[in-house]
Every structure is written in structure tokens, then in C-alpha cells.
C-alpha atoms as a PDB file:
ATOM      1  CA  UNK A   1     -22.271 100.211-196.093  1.00  0.00           C
ATOM      2  CA  UNK A   2     -23.264 103.473-197.587  1.00  0.00           C
ATOM      3  CA  UNK A   3     -25.419 105.854-195.349  1.00  0.00           C
ATOM      4  CA  UNK A   4     -29.082 105.742-195.744  1.00  0.00           C
ATOM      5  CA  UNK A   5     -29.331 109.426-196.607  1.00  0.00           C
ATOM      6  CA  UNK A   6     -27.032 109.354-199.627  1.00  0.00           C
ATOM      7  CA  UNK A   7     -28.866 105.990-201.033  1.00  0.00           C
ATOM      8  CA  UNK A   8     -32.370 107.946-200.527  1.00  0.00           C
ATOM      9  CA  UNK A   9     -30.901 110.831-202.497  1.00  0.00           C
ATOM     10  CA  UNK A  10     -29.607 108.584-205.295  1.00  0.00           C
ATOM     11  CA  UNK A  11     -32.990 107.117-205.303  1.00  0.00           C
ATOM     12  CA  UNK A  12     -34.446 110.650-205.724  1.00  0.00           C
ATOM     13  CA  UNK A  13     -32.041 111.586-208.393  1.00  0.00           C
ATOM     14  CA  UNK A  14     -32.833 108.229-210.465  1.00  0.00           C
ATOM     15  CA  UNK A  15     -36.625 108.786-210.041  1.00  0.00           C
ATOM     16  CA  UNK A  16     -36.511 112.139-211.311  1.00  0.00           C
ATOM     17  CA  UNK A  17     -34.234 111.209-214.278  1.00  0.00           C
ATOM     18  CA  UNK A  18     -36.600 108.347-215.196  1.00  0.00           C
ATOM     19  CA  UNK A  19     -39.614 110.729-215.202  1.00  0.00           C
ATOM     20  CA  UNK A  20     -37.624 112.845-217.639  1.00  0.00           C
ATOM     21  CA  UNK A  21     -36.956 110.085-219.805  1.00  0.00           C
ATOM     22  CA  UNK A  22     -40.312 108.841-219.652  1.00  0.00           C
ATOM     23  CA  UNK A  23     -41.636 112.410-220.914  1.00  0.00           C
ATOM     24  CA  UNK A  24     -39.109 112.426-223.795  1.00  0.00           C
ATOM     25  CA  UNK A  25     -42.056 110.807-226.136  1.00  0.00           C
ATOM     26  CA  UNK A  26     -44.070 113.766-225.413  1.00  0.00           C
ATOM     27  CA  UNK A  27     -41.385 116.104-226.057  1.00  0.00           C
ATOM     28  CA  UNK A  28     -40.278 114.586-229.442  1.00  0.00           C
ATOM     29  CA  UNK A  29     -43.864 114.564-230.468  1.00  0.00           C
ATOM     30  CA  UNK A  30     -44.222 118.558-229.752  1.00  0.00           C
ATOM     31  CA  UNK A  31     -40.516 118.750-231.264  1.00  0.00           C
ATOM     32  CA  UNK A  32     -41.899 116.960-234.558  1.00  0.00           C
ATOM     33  CA  UNK A  33     -45.183 119.144-234.537  1.00  0.00           C
ATOM     34  CA  UNK A  34     -42.519 122.407-234.382  1.00  0.00           C
ATOM     35  CA  UNK A  35     -40.552 120.917-237.271  1.00  0.00           C
ATOM     36  CA  UNK A  36     -43.937 120.106-239.526  1.00  0.00           C
ATOM     37  CA  UNK A  37     -44.800 123.880-239.082  1.00  0.00           C
ATOM     38  CA  UNK A  38     -41.359 124.925-240.067  1.00  0.00           C
ATOM     39  CA  UNK A  39     -41.381 122.696-243.137  1.00  0.00           C
ATOM     40  CA  UNK A  40     -44.717 124.373-244.116  1.00  0.00           C
ATOM     41  CA  UNK A  41     -43.235 127.761-243.563  1.00  0.00           C
ATOM     42  CA  UNK A  42     -40.367 126.645-245.996  1.00  0.00           C
ATOM     43  CA  UNK A  43     -42.958 125.615-248.558  1.00  0.00           C
ATOM     44  CA  UNK A  44     -44.492 129.081-248.155  1.00  0.00           C
ATOM     45  CA  UNK A  45     -41.178 130.682-248.778  1.00  0.00           C
ATOM     46  CA  UNK A  46     -40.708 128.701-252.035  1.00  0.00           C
ATOM     47  CA  UNK A  47     -44.144 129.449-253.061  1.00  0.00           C
ATOM     48  CA  UNK A  48     -43.521 133.198-252.429  1.00  0.00           C
ATOM     49  CA  UNK A  49     -40.051 133.003-254.441  1.00  0.00           C
ATOM     50  CA  UNK A  50     -41.714 131.506-257.510  1.00  0.00           C
ATOM     51  CA  UNK A  51     -44.592 133.971-257.419  1.00  0.00           C
ATOM     52  CA  UNK A  52     -41.950 137.030-256.927  1.00  0.00           C
ATOM     53  CA  UNK A  53     -39.885 135.231-259.939  1.00  0.00           C
ATOM     54  CA  UNK A  54     -43.416 135.378-261.907  1.00  0.00           C
ATOM     55  CA  UNK A  55     -44.101 138.787-260.743  1.00  0.00           C
ATOM     56  CA  UNK A  56     -40.704 140.272-261.953  1.00  0.00           C
ATOM     57  CA  UNK A  57     -41.171 138.728-265.406  1.00  0.00           C
ATOM     58  CA  UNK A  58     -44.529 140.089-265.818  1.00  0.00           C
ATOM     59  CA  UNK A  59     -45.126 143.570-267.705  1.00  0.00           C
ATOM     60  CA  UNK A  60     -47.997 144.220-264.993  1.00  0.00           C
ATOM     61  CA  UNK A  61     -46.974 142.883-261.788  1.00  0.00           C
ATOM     62  CA  UNK A  62     -49.949 141.568-259.321  1.00  0.00           C
ATOM     63  CA  UNK A  63     -47.834 142.402-256.270  1.00  0.00           C
ATOM     64  CA  UNK A  64     -46.102 145.448-255.185  1.00  0.00           C
ATOM     65  CA  UNK A  65     -42.541 145.167-253.651  1.00  0.00           C
ATOM     66  CA  UNK A  66     -44.195 146.180-250.407  1.00  0.00           C
ATOM     67  CA  UNK A  67     -46.623 143.390-250.222  1.00  0.00           C
ATOM     68  CA  UNK A  68     -43.915 141.021-251.354  1.00  0.00           C
ATOM     69  CA  UNK A  69     -41.975 142.215-248.345  1.00  0.00           C
ATOM     70  CA  UNK A  70     -44.876 142.208-245.971  1.00  0.00           C
ATOM     71  CA  UNK A  71     -45.681 138.684-246.802  1.00  0.00           C
ATOM     72  CA  UNK A  72     -41.790 137.692-246.085  1.00  0.00           C
ATOM     73  CA  UNK A  73     -41.887 139.682-242.792  1.00  0.00           C
ATOM     74  CA  UNK A  74     -45.040 137.326-241.981  1.00  0.00           C
ATOM     75  CA  UNK A  75     -43.126 134.130-242.741  1.00  0.00           C
ATOM     76  CA  UNK A  76     -40.018 135.196-240.527  1.00  0.00           C
ATOM     77  CA  UNK A  77     -42.435 135.979-237.564  1.00  0.00           C
ATOM     78  CA  UNK A  78     -43.831 132.420-238.000  1.00  0.00           C
ATOM     79  CA  UNK A  79     -40.266 131.071-237.952  1.00  0.00           C
ATOM     80  CA  UNK A  80     -39.243 133.077-234.976  1.00  0.00           C
ATOM     81  CA  UNK A  81     -42.499 131.974-233.097  1.00  0.00           C
ATOM     82  CA  UNK A  82     -41.734 128.372-233.763  1.00  0.00           C
ATOM     83  CA  UNK A  83     -38.224 128.823-232.443  1.00  0.00           C
ATOM     84  CA  UNK A  84     -39.545 130.122-229.362  1.00  0.00           C
ATOM     85  CA  UNK A  85     -42.043 127.342-229.042  1.00  0.00           C
ATOM     86  CA  UNK A  86     -38.763 124.741-229.434  1.00  0.00           C
ATOM     87  CA  UNK A  87     -37.069 126.930-227.123  1.00  0.00           C
ATOM     88  CA  UNK A  88     -39.888 126.973-224.341  1.00  0.00           C
ATOM     89  CA  UNK A  89     -39.848 122.896-224.946  1.00  0.00           C
ATOM     90  CA  UNK A  90     -35.963 122.302-224.579  1.00  0.00           C
ATOM     91  CA  UNK A  91     -35.266 124.813-221.888  1.00  0.00           C
ATOM     92  CA  UNK A  92     -36.638 123.294-218.816  1.00  0.00           C
ATOM     93  CA  UNK A  93     -35.461 119.658-219.850  1.00  0.00           C
ATOM     94  CA  UNK A  94     -31.894 121.122-220.171  1.00  0.00           C
ATOM     95  CA  UNK A  95     -32.104 122.816-216.786  1.00  0.00           C
ATOM     96  CA  UNK A  96     -33.381 119.627-215.003  1.00  0.00           C
ATOM     97  CA  UNK A  97     -30.812 117.589-216.643  1.00  0.00           C
ATOM     98  CA  UNK A  98     -27.943 120.038-215.582  1.00  0.00           C
ATOM     99  CA  UNK A  99     -29.742 120.300-212.025  1.00  0.00           C
ATOM    100  CA  UNK A 100     -29.523 116.361-211.699  1.00  0.00           C
ATOM    101  CA  UNK A 101     -25.951 116.107-213.157  1.00  0.00           C
ATOM    102  CA  UNK A 102     -24.888 118.559-210.385  1.00  0.00           C
ATOM    103  CA  UNK A 103     -26.870 116.826-207.623  1.00  0.00           C
ATOM    104  CA  UNK A 104     -25.241 113.662-208.677  1.00  0.00           C
ATOM    105  CA  UNK A 105     -21.812 114.954-208.603  1.00  0.00           C
ATOM    106  CA  UNK A 106     -22.507 116.614-205.261  1.00  0.00           C
ATOM    107  CA  UNK A 107     -23.915 113.355-203.883  1.00  0.00           C
ATOM    108  CA  UNK A 108     -20.875 111.343-205.369  1.00  0.00           C
ATOM    109  CA  UNK A 109     -18.399 114.006-203.257  1.00  0.00           C
ATOM    110  CA  UNK A 110     -20.381 113.358-200.209  1.00  0.00           C
ATOM    111  CA  UNK A 111     -20.198 109.841-200.340  1.00  0.00           C
ATOM    112  CA  UNK A 112     -16.565 110.048-201.115  1.00  0.00           C
ATOM    113  CA  UNK A 113     -16.320 112.348-198.105  1.00  0.00           C
ATOM    114  CA  UNK A 114     -18.511 110.038-195.661  1.00  0.00           C
ATOM    115  CA  UNK A 115     -16.981 106.702-196.710  1.00  0.00           C
ATOM    116  CA  UNK A 116     -13.243 107.458-197.568  1.00  0.00           C
ATOM    117  CA  UNK A 117     -12.623 103.446-197.199  1.00  0.00           C
ATOM    118  CA  UNK A 118     -14.731 102.831-199.983  1.00  0.00           C
ATOM    119  CA  UNK A 119     -13.050 102.731-203.786  1.00  0.00           C
ATOM    120  CA  UNK A 120     -15.094 104.298-206.594  1.00  0.00           C
ATOM    121  CA  UNK A 121     -16.059 100.718-207.829  1.00  0.00           C
ATOM    122  CA  UNK A 122     -17.710  99.885-204.510  1.00  0.00           C
ATOM    123  CA  UNK A 123     -19.822 103.003-204.073  1.00  0.00           C
ATOM    124  CA  UNK A 124     -20.896 102.435-207.691  1.00  0.00           C
ATOM    125  CA  UNK A 125     -21.831  98.869-207.071  1.00  0.00           C
ATOM    126  CA  UNK A 126     -23.667  99.737-203.797  1.00  0.00           C
ATOM    127  CA  UNK A 127     -25.531 102.335-205.257  1.00  0.00           C
ATOM    128  CA  UNK A 128     -26.378 100.226-208.303  1.00  0.00           C
ATOM    129  CA  UNK A 129     -27.414  97.456-205.816  1.00  0.00           C
ATOM    130  CA  UNK A 130     -29.963  99.689-204.026  1.00  0.00           C
ATOM    131  CA  UNK A 131     -31.341 101.061-207.221  1.00  0.00           C
ATOM    132  CA  UNK A 132     -32.029  97.776-208.510  1.00  0.00           C
ATOM    133  CA  UNK A 133     -33.587  96.816-205.347  1.00  0.00           C
ATOM    134  CA  UNK A 134     -36.073  99.792-205.558  1.00  0.00           C
ATOM    135  CA  UNK A 135     -36.818  98.862-209.301  1.00  0.00           C
ATOM    136  CA  UNK A 136     -35.092 101.517-210.820  1.00  0.00           C
ATOM    137  CA  UNK A 137     -32.167 100.244-212.674  1.00  0.00           C
END
């Protein structure tokens, strides 16, 4: 039998993991919003590219190079801002997953040290049985 303290830690890790997974729909929806904004930005770039082409063909250009440059800089700033939003969304998830992975490896090492008579299969089976009993499978 595995010590209760180890099983409680496994339960805690699993609950945190399931909470992360349950929030993935929210994260995906927000990432899709960022993606849609980036698509809009790409359309703006295409529009400005067409406008620039027409402007350069014209004998009386309606936009100066400075104005075109300013518009493009604004688009680049928008893309940068969207990238930062996406990063703020993803970084905490990645950090939490890394943290859980380290906790899981440390827990496994502690179980091995505390129960050298158990095989890897026995450890996995006993922890899985407890998670199922807790409704966390």
C-alpha cells in the first residue's frame, strides 16, 4: 500500500490538471479572438498594399510615403499587441503544466524511495485506483 500522503498529493496534482483542462475551452475561445483580430490586420495590410500600388501608379498621389509608413507602423503595433495578448494567455498555462510535471516526477521519486518493494506497474495501478475512487480518472 502507498502512504496516504502520496496519494493525497497525486489527487491534488490530478485536480489541478483537470481544472486546467476544463479551462482550455475558455483559452481556446480567447486565442480564436486573437486569431480573428490578426486576420483583420492582414486584411488591412492587403488593403494598404493595394492602396499603395494605386497611389504609386497615380500622377497625383493621395498619400505621401510618410502617411503610408505611419499606417504600416500602426498595423505592426496592432500585430505586436495581439502577440502580447496571446502570450499573456499561453504563458500561465505553460508554467502551470511545467509545474505539475515537476510535481508529478518528484512525487513518483518519493513513492519509489518510500516503497522500494513496489514495481512501477504496481505504483501506477495503486495511484490510478485511488484517482478512480476519488472520481478523478
